[in-house]
C-alpha atoms as a PDB file:
ATOM      1  CA  UNK A   1      72.828  98.109   8.928  1.00  0.00           C
ATOM      2  CA  UNK A   2      74.705 100.588   6.776  1.00  0.00           C
ATOM      3  CA  UNK A   3      75.738  99.532   3.291  1.00  0.00           C
ATOM      4  CA  UNK A   4      79.346  99.980   2.248  1.00  0.00           C
ATOM      5  CA  UNK A   5      78.736 103.204   0.346  1.00  0.00           C
ATOM      6  CA  UNK A   6      76.850 104.892   3.239  1.00  0.00           C
ATOM      7  CA  UNK A   7      79.514 103.772   5.709  1.00  0.00           C
ATOM      8  CA  UNK A   8      82.249 105.277   3.523  1.00  0.00           C
ATOM      9  CA  UNK A   9      80.451 108.578   3.294  1.00  0.00           C
ATOM     10  CA  UNK A  10      79.902 108.807   7.060  1.00  0.00           C
ATOM     11  CA  UNK A  11      83.488 107.798   7.772  1.00  0.00           C
ATOM     12  CA  UNK A  12      84.776 110.452   5.423  1.00  0.00           C
ATOM     13  CA  UNK A  13      82.537 113.067   6.974  1.00  0.00           C
ATOM     14  CA  UNK A  14      83.695 112.168  10.479  1.00  0.00           C
ATOM     15  CA  UNK A  15      87.412 112.180   9.571  1.00  0.00           C
ATOM     16  CA  UNK A  16      87.257 115.374   7.518  1.00  0.00           C
ATOM     17  CA  UNK A  17      85.120 117.067  10.229  1.00  0.00           C
ATOM     18  CA  UNK A  18      87.548 116.105  12.989  1.00  0.00           C
ATOM     19  CA  UNK A  19      90.610 117.171  10.965  1.00  0.00           C
ATOM     20  CA  UNK A  20      89.029 120.495   9.941  1.00  0.00           C
ATOM     21  CA  UNK A  21      88.041 121.236  13.519  1.00  0.00           C
ATOM     22  CA  UNK A  22      91.483 120.462  14.883  1.00  0.00           C
ATOM     23  CA  UNK A  23      92.929 122.713  12.198  1.00  0.00           C
ATOM     24  CA  UNK A  24      90.606 125.552  13.253  1.00  0.00           C
ATOM     25  CA  UNK A  25      91.652 125.134  16.865  1.00  0.00           C
ATOM     26  CA  UNK A  26      95.354 125.237  15.970  1.00  0.00           C
ATOM     27  CA  UNK A  27      94.953 128.238  13.714  1.00  0.00           C
ATOM     28  CA  UNK A  28      93.039 129.954  16.505  1.00  0.00           C
ATOM     29  CA  UNK A  29      96.167 129.747  18.691  1.00  0.00           C
ATOM     30  CA  UNK A  30      97.752 132.161  16.224  1.00  0.00           C
ATOM     31  CA  UNK A  31      95.019 134.682  16.685  1.00  0.00           C
ATOM     32  CA  UNK A  32      97.262 137.036  18.639  1.00  0.00           C
ATOM     33  CA  UNK A  33      99.057 137.836  15.399  1.00  0.00           C
ATOM     34  CA  UNK A  34      96.451 137.336  12.658  1.00  0.00           C
ATOM     35  CA  UNK A  35      92.957 138.757  13.203  1.00  0.00           C
ATOM     36  CA  UNK A  36      91.152 136.218  10.919  1.00  0.00           C
ATOM     37  CA  UNK A  37      92.535 133.370  13.083  1.00  0.00           C
ATOM     38  CA  UNK A  38      91.316 135.182  16.197  1.00  0.00           C
ATOM     39  CA  UNK A  39      87.776 134.975  14.830  1.00  0.00           C
ATOM     40  CA  UNK A  40      88.108 131.161  14.821  1.00  0.00           C
ATOM     41  CA  UNK A  41      88.696 131.144  18.596  1.00  0.00           C
ATOM     42  CA  UNK A  42      85.187 132.571  19.215  1.00  0.00           C
ATOM     43  CA  UNK A  43      83.653 129.221  18.241  1.00  0.00           C
ATOM     44  CA  UNK A  44      85.722 127.157  20.658  1.00  0.00           C
ATOM     45  CA  UNK A  45      82.716 125.557  22.273  1.00  0.00           C
ATOM     46  CA  UNK A  46      81.302 124.624  18.874  1.00  0.00           C
ATOM     47  CA  UNK A  47      84.621 123.074  17.859  1.00  0.00           C
ATOM     48  CA  UNK A  48      84.678 120.969  21.009  1.00  0.00           C
ATOM     49  CA  UNK A  49      81.096 119.808  20.388  1.00  0.00           C
ATOM     50  CA  UNK A  50      81.888 118.901  16.767  1.00  0.00           C
ATOM     51  CA  UNK A  51      84.923 116.911  17.838  1.00  0.00           C
ATOM     52  CA  UNK A  52      82.858 114.984  20.337  1.00  0.00           C
ATOM     53  CA  UNK A  53      80.229 114.292  17.691  1.00  0.00           C
ATOM     54  CA  UNK A  54      82.885 113.040  15.290  1.00  0.00           C
ATOM     55  CA  UNK A  55      84.342 110.807  18.012  1.00  0.00           C
ATOM     56  CA  UNK A  56      80.905 109.224  18.685  1.00  0.00           C
ATOM     57  CA  UNK A  57      80.354 108.698  14.975  1.00  0.00           C
ATOM     58  CA  UNK A  58      83.791 107.059  14.557  1.00  0.00           C
ATOM     59  CA  UNK A  59      83.167 104.724  17.422  1.00  0.00           C
ATOM     60  CA  UNK A  60      79.773 103.844  15.946  1.00  0.00           C
ATOM     61  CA  UNK A  61      81.582 103.016  12.686  1.00  0.00           C
ATOM     62  CA  UNK A  62      84.011 100.790  14.694  1.00  0.00           C
ATOM     63  CA  UNK A  63      86.930 103.076  13.911  1.00  0.00           C
ATOM     64  CA  UNK A  64      88.254 102.812  17.458  1.00  0.00           C
ATOM     65  CA  UNK A  65      91.670 104.319  16.930  1.00  0.00           C
ATOM     66  CA  UNK A  66      90.369 107.368  15.053  1.00  0.00           C
ATOM     67  CA  UNK A  67      87.525 107.644  17.589  1.00  0.00           C
ATOM     68  CA  UNK A  68      89.983 107.625  20.509  1.00  0.00           C
ATOM     69  CA  UNK A  69      92.098 110.357  18.870  1.00  0.00           C
ATOM     70  CA  UNK A  70      88.999 112.502  18.271  1.00  0.00           C
ATOM     71  CA  UNK A  71      87.944 111.889  21.912  1.00  0.00           C
ATOM     72  CA  UNK A  72      91.292 113.063  23.213  1.00  0.00           C
ATOM     73  CA  UNK A  73      91.132 116.130  21.007  1.00  0.00           C
ATOM     74  CA  UNK A  74      87.639 116.924  22.250  1.00  0.00           C
ATOM     75  CA  UNK A  75      88.797 116.488  25.859  1.00  0.00           C
ATOM     76  CA  UNK A  76      91.734 118.889  25.323  1.00  0.00           C
ATOM     77  CA  UNK A  77      89.408 121.409  23.706  1.00  0.00           C
ATOM     78  CA  UNK A  78      87.019 121.137  26.657  1.00  0.00           C
ATOM     79  CA  UNK A  79      89.636 121.912  29.322  1.00  0.00           C
ATOM     80  CA  UNK A  80      89.235 125.761  29.236  1.00  0.00           C
ATOM     81  CA  UNK A  81      85.449 125.308  29.228  1.00  0.00           C
ATOM     82  CA  UNK A  82      85.351 123.343  32.458  1.00  0.00           C
ATOM     83  CA  UNK A  83      86.100 126.417  34.625  1.00  0.00           C
ATOM     84  CA  UNK A  84      82.847 128.005  33.490  1.00  0.00           C
ATOM     85  CA  UNK A  85      80.754 124.898  34.127  1.00  0.00           C
ATOM     86  CA  UNK A  86      81.950 123.738  37.516  1.00  0.00           C
ATOM     87  CA  UNK A  87      80.292 125.701  40.397  1.00  0.00           C
ATOM     88  CA  UNK A  88      82.547 127.186  43.016  1.00  0.00           C
ATOM     89  CA  UNK A  89      80.148 126.262  45.823  1.00  0.00           C
ATOM     90  CA  UNK A  90      81.040 129.085  48.220  1.00  0.00           C
ATOM     91  CA  UNK A  91      78.357 130.074  50.726  1.00  0.00           C
ATOM     92  CA  UNK A  92      76.703 133.480  50.837  1.00  0.00           C
ATOM     93  CA  UNK A  93      76.875 135.364  54.115  1.00  0.00           C
ATOM     94  CA  UNK A  94      73.297 136.314  54.855  1.00  0.00           C
ATOM     95  CA  UNK A  95      74.215 139.738  56.182  1.00  0.00           C
ATOM     96  CA  UNK A  96      76.214 140.776  53.124  1.00  0.00           C
ATOM     97  CA  UNK A  97      74.372 143.065  50.723  1.00  0.00           C
ATOM     98  CA  UNK A  98      74.153 141.920  47.114  1.00  0.00           C
ATOM     99  CA  UNK A  99      74.956 144.136  44.159  1.00  0.00           C
ATOM    100  CA  UNK A 100      73.022 143.203  41.034  1.00  0.00           C
ATOM    101  CA  UNK A 101      74.416 144.590  37.823  1.00  0.00           C
ATOM    102  CA  UNK A 102      72.850 144.301  34.372  1.00  0.00           C
ATOM    103  CA  UNK A 103      74.485 144.947  31.005  1.00  0.00           C
ATOM    104  CA  UNK A 104      72.882 144.904  27.588  1.00  0.00           C
ATOM    105  CA  UNK A 105      73.735 146.016  24.131  1.00  0.00           C
ATOM    106  CA  UNK A 106      70.268 147.412  23.442  1.00  0.00           C
ATOM    107  CA  UNK A 107      70.859 147.564  19.702  1.00  0.00           C
ATOM    108  CA  UNK A 108      70.435 150.782  17.725  1.00  0.00           C
ATOM    109  CA  UNK A 109      67.664 149.102  15.661  1.00  0.00           C
ATOM    110  CA  UNK A 110      65.658 148.087  18.754  1.00  0.00           C
ATOM    111  CA  UNK A 111      62.073 148.938  17.854  1.00  0.00           C
ATOM    112  CA  UNK A 112      60.523 147.815  21.150  1.00  0.00           C
ATOM    113  CA  UNK A 113      61.869 150.143  23.876  1.00  0.00           C
ATOM    114  CA  UNK A 114      58.826 149.604  26.081  1.00  0.00           C
ATOM    115  CA  UNK A 115      59.753 145.916  26.391  1.00  0.00           C
ATOM    116  CA  UNK A 116      63.247 146.985  27.405  1.00  0.00           C
ATOM    117  CA  UNK A 117      61.829 149.333  30.036  1.00  0.00           C
ATOM    118  CA  UNK A 118      59.633 146.572  31.487  1.00  0.00           C
ATOM    119  CA  UNK A 119      62.531 144.161  31.641  1.00  0.00           C
ATOM    120  CA  UNK A 120      64.866 146.594  33.410  1.00  0.00           C
ATOM    121  CA  UNK A 121      62.211 147.588  35.942  1.00  0.00           C
ATOM    122  CA  UNK A 122      61.495 143.933  36.829  1.00  0.00           C
ATOM    123  CA  UNK A 123      65.182 142.890  36.872  1.00  0.00           C
ATOM    124  CA  UNK A 124      65.807 144.257  40.374  1.00  0.00           C
ATOM    125  CA  UNK A 125      69.216 145.418  39.126  1.00  0.00           C
ATOM    126  CA  UNK A 126      71.030 148.038  41.218  1.00  0.00           C
ATOM    127  CA  UNK A 127      72.958 149.379  38.218  1.00  0.00           C
ATOM    128  CA  UNK A 128      72.176 149.043  34.509  1.00  0.00           C
ATOM    129  CA  UNK A 129      74.723 149.602  31.768  1.00  0.00           C
ATOM    130  CA  UNK A 130      73.347 149.906  28.216  1.00  0.00           C
ATOM    131  CA  UNK A 131      75.242 150.108  24.970  1.00  0.00           C
ATOM    132  CA  UNK A 132      74.102 151.381  21.551  1.00  0.00           C
ATOM    133  CA  UNK A 133      71.765 153.879  23.148  1.00  0.00           C
ATOM    134  CA  UNK A 134      72.022 157.536  22.172  1.00  0.00           C
ATOM    135  CA  UNK A 135      71.839 160.289  24.754  1.00  0.00           C
ATOM    136  CA  UNK A 136      68.363 161.320  23.617  1.00  0.00           C
ATOM    137  CA  UNK A 137      67.040 157.739  23.730  1.00  0.00           C
ATOM    138  CA  UNK A 138      68.660 157.250  27.147  1.00  0.00           C
ATOM    139  CA  UNK A 139      66.857 160.248  28.470  1.00  0.00           C
ATOM    140  CA  UNK A 140      63.610 158.930  27.034  1.00  0.00           C
ATOM    141  CA  UNK A 141      64.207 155.587  28.728  1.00  0.00           C
ATOM    142  CA  UNK A 142      64.998 157.341  31.984  1.00  0.00           C
ATOM    143  CA  UNK A 143      61.626 159.033  31.989  1.00  0.00           C
ATOM    144  CA  UNK A 144      60.045 155.567  32.234  1.00  0.00           C
ATOM    145  CA  UNK A 145      62.564 153.975  34.558  1.00  0.00           C
ATOM    146  CA  UNK A 146      61.067 155.203  37.795  1.00  0.00           C
ATOM    147  CA  UNK A 147      63.245 152.914  39.932  1.00  0.00           C
ATOM    148  CA  UNK A 148      66.440 154.487  38.592  1.00  0.00           C
ATOM    149  CA  UNK A 149      66.626 158.134  39.679  1.00  0.00           C
ATOM    150  CA  UNK A 150      70.370 158.425  39.030  1.00  0.00           C
ATOM    151  CA  UNK A 151      71.626 158.457  35.483  1.00  0.00           C
ATOM    152  CA  UNK A 152      74.717 159.352  33.462  1.00  0.00           C
ATOM    153  CA  UNK A 153      74.120 159.801  29.777  1.00  0.00           C
ATOM    154  CA  UNK A 154      76.300 162.792  28.851  1.00  0.00           C
ATOM    155  CA  UNK A 155      79.194 160.643  27.680  1.00  0.00           C
ATOM    156  CA  UNK A 156      77.105 158.549  25.279  1.00  0.00           C
ATOM    157  CA  UNK A 157      78.542 160.291  22.223  1.00  0.00           C
ATOM    158  CA  UNK A 158      82.109 159.186  23.109  1.00  0.00           C
ATOM    159  CA  UNK A 159      81.433 155.839  24.820  1.00  0.00           C
ATOM    160  CA  UNK A 160      78.224 154.530  23.234  1.00  0.00           C
ATOM    161  CA  UNK A 161      77.338 153.632  26.867  1.00  0.00           C
ATOM    162  CA  UNK A 162      74.782 154.996  29.372  1.00  0.00           C
ATOM    163  CA  UNK A 163      74.262 154.191  33.040  1.00  0.00           C
ATOM    164  CA  UNK A 164      71.175 153.928  35.204  1.00  0.00           C
ATOM    165  CA  UNK A 165      71.424 153.441  38.972  1.00  0.00           C
ATOM    166  CA  UNK A 166      69.235 153.045  42.023  1.00  0.00           C
ATOM    167  CA  UNK A 167      72.149 154.414  44.094  1.00  0.00           C
ATOM    168  CA  UNK A 168      73.682 157.889  44.027  1.00  0.00           C
ATOM    169  CA  UNK A 169      76.326 158.563  41.399  1.00  0.00           C
ATOM    170  CA  UNK A 170      78.875 160.719  43.222  1.00  0.00           C
ATOM    171  CA  UNK A 171      80.942 161.378  40.078  1.00  0.00           C
ATOM    172  CA  UNK A 172      81.119 160.139  36.493  1.00  0.00           C
ATOM    173  CA  UNK A 173      83.446 160.670  33.621  1.00  0.00           C
ATOM    174  CA  UNK A 174      84.601 159.430  30.227  1.00  0.00           C
ATOM    175  CA  UNK A 175      87.884 157.503  30.205  1.00  0.00           C
ATOM    176  CA  UNK A 176      89.948 157.414  27.011  1.00  0.00           C
ATOM    177  CA  UNK A 177      91.295 153.923  26.384  1.00  0.00           C
ATOM    178  CA  UNK A 178      93.398 154.162  23.245  1.00  0.00           C
ATOM    179  CA  UNK A 179      94.160 156.646  20.467  1.00  0.00           C
ATOM    180  CA  UNK A 180      91.545 156.334  17.801  1.00  0.00           C
ATOM    181  CA  UNK A 181      89.502 153.951  19.939  1.00  0.00           C
ATOM    182  CA  UNK A 182      86.309 154.227  21.911  1.00  0.00           C
ATOM    183  CA  UNK A 183      86.148 155.566  25.458  1.00  0.00           C
ATOM    184  CA  UNK A 184      84.751 153.957  28.576  1.00  0.00           C
ATOM    185  CA  UNK A 185      82.154 155.251  31.014  1.00  0.00           C
ATOM    186  CA  UNK A 186      83.396 155.345  34.624  1.00  0.00           C
ATOM    187  CA  UNK A 187      81.059 156.154  37.559  1.00  0.00           C
ATOM    188  CA  UNK A 188      81.602 156.165  41.308  1.00  0.00           C
ATOM    189  CA  UNK A 189      78.512 154.987  43.116  1.00  0.00           C
ATOM    190  CA  UNK A 190      77.690 155.266  46.824  1.00  0.00           C
ATOM    191  CA  UNK A 191      76.483 151.793  47.725  1.00  0.00           C
ATOM    192  CA  UNK A 192      75.916 150.580  51.281  1.00  0.00           C
ATOM    193  CA  UNK A 193      78.554 152.904  52.692  1.00  0.00           C
ATOM    194  CA  UNK A 194      81.136 151.960  50.019  1.00  0.00           C
ATOM    195  CA  UNK A 195      82.291 153.845  46.976  1.00  0.00           C
ATOM    196  CA  UNK A 196      82.260 151.346  44.142  1.00  0.00           C
ATOM    197  CA  UNK A 197      83.475 151.936  40.598  1.00  0.00           C
ATOM    198  CA  UNK A 198      81.306 150.851  37.720  1.00  0.00           C
ATOM    199  CA  UNK A 199      82.819 150.864  34.223  1.00  0.00           C
ATOM    200  CA  UNK A 200      80.797 150.381  31.067  1.00  0.00           C
ATOM    201  CA  UNK A 201      82.297 149.679  27.635  1.00  0.00           C
ATOM    202  CA  UNK A 202      81.441 148.896  24.015  1.00  0.00           C
ATOM    203  CA  UNK A 203      84.602 147.922  22.249  1.00  0.00           C
ATOM    204  CA  UNK A 204      85.261 147.838  18.496  1.00  0.00           C
ATOM    205  CA  UNK A 205      83.975 145.017  16.294  1.00  0.00           C
ATOM    206  CA  UNK A 206      87.041 142.958  15.341  1.00  0.00           C
ATOM    207  CA  UNK A 207      86.373 142.627  11.626  1.00  0.00           C
ATOM    208  CA  UNK A 208      89.333 143.873   9.589  1.00  0.00           C
ATOM    209  CA  UNK A 209      92.847 144.508  10.708  1.00  0.00           C
ATOM    210  CA  UNK A 210      92.288 148.183  11.695  1.00  0.00           C
ATOM    211  CA  UNK A 211      89.110 147.572  13.749  1.00  0.00           C
ATOM    212  CA  UNK A 212      90.610 144.469  15.336  1.00  0.00           C
ATOM    213  CA  UNK A 213      93.754 146.400  16.319  1.00  0.00           C
ATOM    214  CA  UNK A 214      91.589 149.124  17.910  1.00  0.00           C
ATOM    215  CA  UNK A 215      89.637 146.614  19.985  1.00  0.00           C
ATOM    216  CA  UNK A 216      92.936 145.076  21.179  1.00  0.00           C
ATOM    217  CA  UNK A 217      94.269 148.517  22.066  1.00  0.00           C
ATOM    218  CA  UNK A 218      91.071 149.232  23.969  1.00  0.00           C
ATOM    219  CA  UNK A 219      91.510 146.015  25.928  1.00  0.00           C
ATOM    220  CA  UNK A 220      95.043 147.084  26.826  1.00  0.00           C
ATOM    221  CA  UNK A 221      93.788 150.517  27.938  1.00  0.00           C
ATOM    222  CA  UNK A 222      91.146 148.833  30.108  1.00  0.00           C
ATOM    223  CA  UNK A 223      93.832 146.648  31.671  1.00  0.00           C
ATOM    224  CA  UNK A 224      95.972 149.689  32.492  1.00  0.00           C
ATOM    225  CA  UNK A 225      92.918 151.459  33.918  1.00  0.00           C
ATOM    226  CA  UNK A 226      92.009 148.423  36.078  1.00  0.00           C
ATOM    227  CA  UNK A 227      95.572 148.138  37.449  1.00  0.00           C
ATOM    228  CA  UNK A 228      95.375 151.740  38.697  1.00  0.00           C
ATOM    229  CA  UNK A 229      92.226 151.170  40.754  1.00  0.00           C
ATOM    230  CA  UNK A 230      92.465 150.405  44.468  1.00  0.00           C
ATOM    231  CA  UNK A 231      88.804 149.980  45.364  1.00  0.00           C
ATOM    232  CA  UNK A 232      85.964 147.677  44.302  1.00  0.00           C
ATOM    233  CA  UNK A 233      85.525 147.716  40.501  1.00  0.00           C
ATOM    234  CA  UNK A 234      82.905 146.169  38.277  1.00  0.00           C
ATOM    235  CA  UNK A 235      83.571 146.339  34.532  1.00  0.00           C
ATOM    236  CA  UNK A 236      80.844 145.257  32.129  1.00  0.00           C
ATOM    237  CA  UNK A 237      79.621 145.702  28.592  1.00  0.00           C
ATOM    238  CA  UNK A 238      79.955 144.471  25.018  1.00  0.00           C
ATOM    239  CA  UNK A 239      83.626 143.504  24.542  1.00  0.00           C
ATOM    240  CA  UNK A 240      83.297 141.900  21.109  1.00  0.00           C
ATOM    241  CA  UNK A 241      85.618 139.081  22.218  1.00  0.00           C
ATOM    242  CA  UNK A 242      85.025 135.639  23.660  1.00  0.00           C
ATOM    243  CA  UNK A 243      86.820 133.938  26.603  1.00  0.00           C
ATOM    244  CA  UNK A 244      88.749 131.746  24.109  1.00  0.00           C
ATOM    245  CA  UNK A 245      90.595 134.595  22.349  1.00  0.00           C
ATOM    246  CA  UNK A 246      94.255 135.129  23.258  1.00  0.00           C
ATOM    247  CA  UNK A 247      93.439 138.860  23.611  1.00  0.00           C
ATOM    248  CA  UNK A 248      90.765 138.064  26.211  1.00  0.00           C
ATOM    249  CA  UNK A 249      93.214 135.928  28.156  1.00  0.00           C
ATOM    250  CA  UNK A 250      95.912 138.610  27.960  1.00  0.00           C
ATOM    251  CA  UNK A 251      93.449 141.212  29.237  1.00  0.00           C
ATOM    252  CA  UNK A 252      92.373 139.101  32.194  1.00  0.00           C
ATOM    253  CA  UNK A 253      96.015 138.424  33.124  1.00  0.00           C
ATOM    254  CA  UNK A 254      97.092 142.054  32.790  1.00  0.00           C
ATOM    255  CA  UNK A 255      94.072 143.629  34.483  1.00  0.00           C
ATOM    256  CA  UNK A 256      94.005 141.163  37.389  1.00  0.00           C
ATOM    257  CA  UNK A 257      90.219 141.151  37.116  1.00  0.00           C
ATOM    258  CA  UNK A 258      88.076 138.026  37.250  1.00  0.00           C
ATOM    259  CA  UNK A 259      85.415 136.911  34.827  1.00  0.00           C
ATOM    260  CA  UNK A 260      82.161 136.829  36.802  1.00  0.00           C
ATOM    261  CA  UNK A 261      80.845 133.995  34.619  1.00  0.00           C
ATOM    262  CA  UNK A 262      83.410 131.471  35.911  1.00  0.00           C
ATOM    263  CA  UNK A 263      81.492 128.706  37.595  1.00  0.00           C
ATOM    264  CA  UNK A 264      78.157 129.975  36.339  1.00  0.00           C
ATOM    265  CA  UNK A 265      77.859 128.672  32.800  1.00  0.00           C
ATOM    266  CA  UNK A 266      78.542 129.803  29.241  1.00  0.00           C
ATOM    267  CA  UNK A 267      75.228 130.835  27.729  1.00  0.00           C
ATOM    268  CA  UNK A 268      75.766 132.838  24.494  1.00  0.00           C
ATOM    269  CA  UNK A 269      74.804 136.468  24.306  1.00  0.00           C
ATOM    270  CA  UNK A 270      74.979 137.147  20.542  1.00  0.00           C
ATOM    271  CA  UNK A 271      73.235 136.788  18.204  1.00  0.00           C
ATOM    272  CA  UNK A 272      70.081 136.390  20.256  1.00  0.00           C
ATOM    273  CA  UNK A 273      68.200 135.075  17.239  1.00  0.00           C
ATOM    274  CA  UNK A 274      70.542 132.069  16.696  1.00  0.00           C
ATOM    275  CA  UNK A 275      71.501 130.711  20.108  1.00  0.00           C
ATOM    276  CA  UNK A 276      72.818 127.392  18.806  1.00  0.00           C
ATOM    277  CA  UNK A 277      75.396 129.320  16.782  1.00  0.00           C
ATOM    278  CA  UNK A 278      75.763 132.011  19.427  1.00  0.00           C
ATOM    279  CA  UNK A 279      78.897 133.192  21.164  1.00  0.00           C
ATOM    280  CA  UNK A 280      79.498 135.021  24.456  1.00  0.00           C
ATOM    281  CA  UNK A 281      80.874 138.524  23.722  1.00  0.00           C
ATOM    282  CA  UNK A 282      79.167 140.424  26.549  1.00  0.00           C
ATOM    283  CA  UNK A 283      80.995 140.126  29.873  1.00  0.00           C
ATOM    284  CA  UNK A 284      81.269 141.357  33.429  1.00  0.00           C
ATOM    285  CA  UNK A 285      84.602 141.469  35.270  1.00  0.00           C
ATOM    286  CA  UNK A 286      85.211 142.191  38.936  1.00  0.00           C
ATOM    287  CA  UNK A 287      88.172 143.184  41.050  1.00  0.00           C
ATOM    288  CA  UNK A 288      89.368 140.884  43.859  1.00  0.00           C
ATOM    289  CA  UNK A 289      87.083 142.746  46.316  1.00  0.00           C
ATOM    290  CA  UNK A 290      84.083 140.893  44.924  1.00  0.00           C
ATOM    291  CA  UNK A 291      82.728 137.375  44.702  1.00  0.00           C
ATOM    292  CA  UNK A 292      80.124 136.378  42.152  1.00  0.00           C
ATOM    293  CA  UNK A 293      77.104 134.592  43.544  1.00  0.00           C
ATOM    294  CA  UNK A 294      75.403 134.248  40.195  1.00  0.00           C
ATOM    295  CA  UNK A 295      75.898 135.202  36.578  1.00  0.00           C
ATOM    296  CA  UNK A 296      73.336 134.437  33.938  1.00  0.00           C
ATOM    297  CA  UNK A 297      71.975 135.514  30.582  1.00  0.00           C
ATOM    298  CA  UNK A 298      68.552 137.031  30.321  1.00  0.00           C
ATOM    299  CA  UNK A 299      65.844 136.743  27.645  1.00  0.00           C
ATOM    300  CA  UNK A 300      65.526 138.538  24.323  1.00  0.00           C
ATOM    301  CA  UNK A 301      64.306 142.061  24.747  1.00  0.00           C
ATOM    302  CA  UNK A 302      64.219 143.396  21.208  1.00  0.00           C
ATOM    303  CA  UNK A 303      67.981 143.403  20.731  1.00  0.00           C
ATOM    304  CA  UNK A 304      70.384 141.141  18.793  1.00  0.00           C
ATOM    305  CA  UNK A 305      72.137 140.683  22.143  1.00  0.00           C
ATOM    306  CA  UNK A 306      70.815 139.070  25.297  1.00  0.00           C
ATOM    307  CA  UNK A 307      71.448 140.804  28.636  1.00  0.00           C
ATOM    308  CA  UNK A 308      73.864 139.569  31.268  1.00  0.00           C
ATOM    309  CA  UNK A 309      72.926 139.791  34.980  1.00  0.00           C
ATOM    310  CA  UNK A 310      75.403 139.248  37.818  1.00  0.00           C
ATOM    311  CA  UNK A 311      74.954 139.179  41.611  1.00  0.00           C
ATOM    312  CA  UNK A 312      78.071 140.224  43.568  1.00  0.00           C
ATOM    313  CA  UNK A 313      79.015 140.569  47.206  1.00  0.00           C
ATOM    314  CA  UNK A 314      82.031 142.378  48.676  1.00  0.00           C
ATOM    315  CA  UNK A 315      84.368 139.962  50.334  1.00  0.00           C
ATOM    316  CA  UNK A 316      86.472 142.791  51.610  1.00  0.00           C
ATOM    317  CA  UNK A 317      86.360 146.560  51.295  1.00  0.00           C
ATOM    318  CA  UNK A 318      89.210 148.857  50.399  1.00  0.00           C
ATOM    319  CA  UNK A 319      90.505 151.537  52.699  1.00  0.00           C
ATOM    320  CA  UNK A 320      92.523 153.165  49.951  1.00  0.00           C
ATOM    321  CA  UNK A 321      89.581 153.951  47.740  1.00  0.00           C
ATOM    322  CA  UNK A 322      87.565 155.130  50.677  1.00  0.00           C
ATOM    323  CA  UNK A 323      84.122 154.535  52.008  1.00  0.00           C
ATOM    324  CA  UNK A 324      81.163 156.769  51.200  1.00  0.00           C
ATOM    325  CA  UNK A 325      81.499 158.696  54.405  1.00  0.00           C
ATOM    326  CA  UNK A 326      78.681 157.825  56.774  1.00  0.00           C
ATOM    327  CA  UNK A 327      76.220 158.119  53.866  1.00  0.00           C
ATOM    328  CA  UNK A 328      73.450 157.848  56.437  1.00  0.00           C
ATOM    329  CA  UNK A 329      70.467 157.471  54.048  1.00  0.00           C
ATOM    330  CA  UNK A 330      72.656 157.522  50.883  1.00  0.00           C
ATOM    331  CA  UNK A 331      71.302 161.009  50.099  1.00  0.00           C
ATOM    332  CA  UNK A 332      72.773 162.499  46.907  1.00  0.00           C
ATOM    333  CA  UNK A 333      75.062 165.454  47.126  1.00  0.00           C
ATOM    334  CA  UNK A 334      75.254 168.422  44.778  1.00  0.00           C
ATOM    335  CA  UNK A 335      77.761 166.459  42.611  1.00  0.00           C
ATOM    336  CA  UNK A 336      75.441 163.476  42.191  1.00  0.00           C
ATOM    337  CA  UNK A 337      74.087 162.983  38.697  1.00  0.00           C
ATOM    338  CA  UNK A 338      70.323 162.928  39.143  1.00  0.00           C
ATOM    339  CA  UNK A 339      67.481 162.548  36.744  1.00  0.00           C
ATOM    340  CA  UNK A 340      65.703 165.609  38.152  1.00  0.00           C
ATOM    341  CA  UNK A 341      67.970 167.958  36.145  1.00  0.00           C
ATOM    342  CA  UNK A 342      66.905 166.197  32.964  1.00  0.00           C
ATOM    343  CA  UNK A 343      63.150 165.801  33.553  1.00  0.00           C
ATOM    344  CA  UNK A 344      61.996 168.375  30.989  1.00  0.00           C
ATOM    345  CA  UNK A 345      64.245 166.961  28.254  1.00  0.00           C
ATOM    346  CA  UNK A 346      63.288 163.377  29.161  1.00  0.00           C
ATOM    347  CA  UNK A 347      59.551 164.028  28.832  1.00  0.00           C
ATOM    348  CA  UNK A 348      60.124 165.574  25.404  1.00  0.00           C
ATOM    349  CA  UNK A 349      62.279 162.722  24.185  1.00  0.00           C
ATOM    350  CA  UNK A 350      60.092 160.036  25.681  1.00  0.00           C
ATOM    351  CA  UNK A 351      57.113 161.273  23.666  1.00  0.00           C
ATOM    352  CA  UNK A 352      59.218 160.982  20.496  1.00  0.00           C
ATOM    353  CA  UNK A 353      60.678 157.494  21.002  1.00  0.00           C
ATOM    354  CA  UNK A 354      58.404 155.736  23.482  1.00  0.00           C
ATOM    355  CA  UNK A 355      55.039 156.822  22.126  1.00  0.00           C
END
């Protein structure tokens, strides 16, 4: 049995904790206009868990009315989380090919590139999008990634993103998203007779009014880009925003893309060292042409982020964007970006970084 003093302390902690958490949730709703409040939204899952803990404690202290209020608040906070936790349950047509895409912010301080190479090679991913990898380091990685003969690294200086693919890259380019902001990598890939568009991004870190405004402008630019696409699109990378931010929600609504993680869980991706305090800022989005069979977070591979891996199938193709004509054996054309043209440079760089 608790003595009076201990009970008073626990009751005060529960009430103050619940009130502070509700305040954080309410302030987060103003995040569209004030960047510090937007940061509060990133911990939405944590706020819901704290409210539930406060409710349990209040009921244990026989404060039923306060406990009921905290329970209702926790339930309301949990509503947007449910969509990520409830499986969709759709079947997978056995004849449909599966596209596996992997995205990882590899971290510019990553001191274990060989571990990263091993993970990518064993991931069975069709396309790999890495952020925070320089062009020289990407070429060094490519020298070791024997399963990925098709690469695009030339835009790394503008996008901070590189692409490795098992399938031919028919064209690739850098897409400007906003004035003063980062660019995106866009690649057309010939995959099972379809031309699919892979887009990789690494948006600004939203600390400070200027940087936050740039990230939001980049999200707007991505939405405009997505609206203009008519064929299958997969957009993935480090967005530096969580699903609970009003800017994330505005992007999803404007772009008409779908978060691949819906129905597949909410494992955090950053920081990889502190998962209990972690948040999900790495995402994959898909156009309506796709359906996500699986989306999960991988292990630590020397980065402060954890990778995301998604398995997608095409539910319907697009005639407007066009098929990769006949493609027979998916042989690359002269416009395909191939690792062969970079072999000499790769070998030199790989000795420097992957020794």
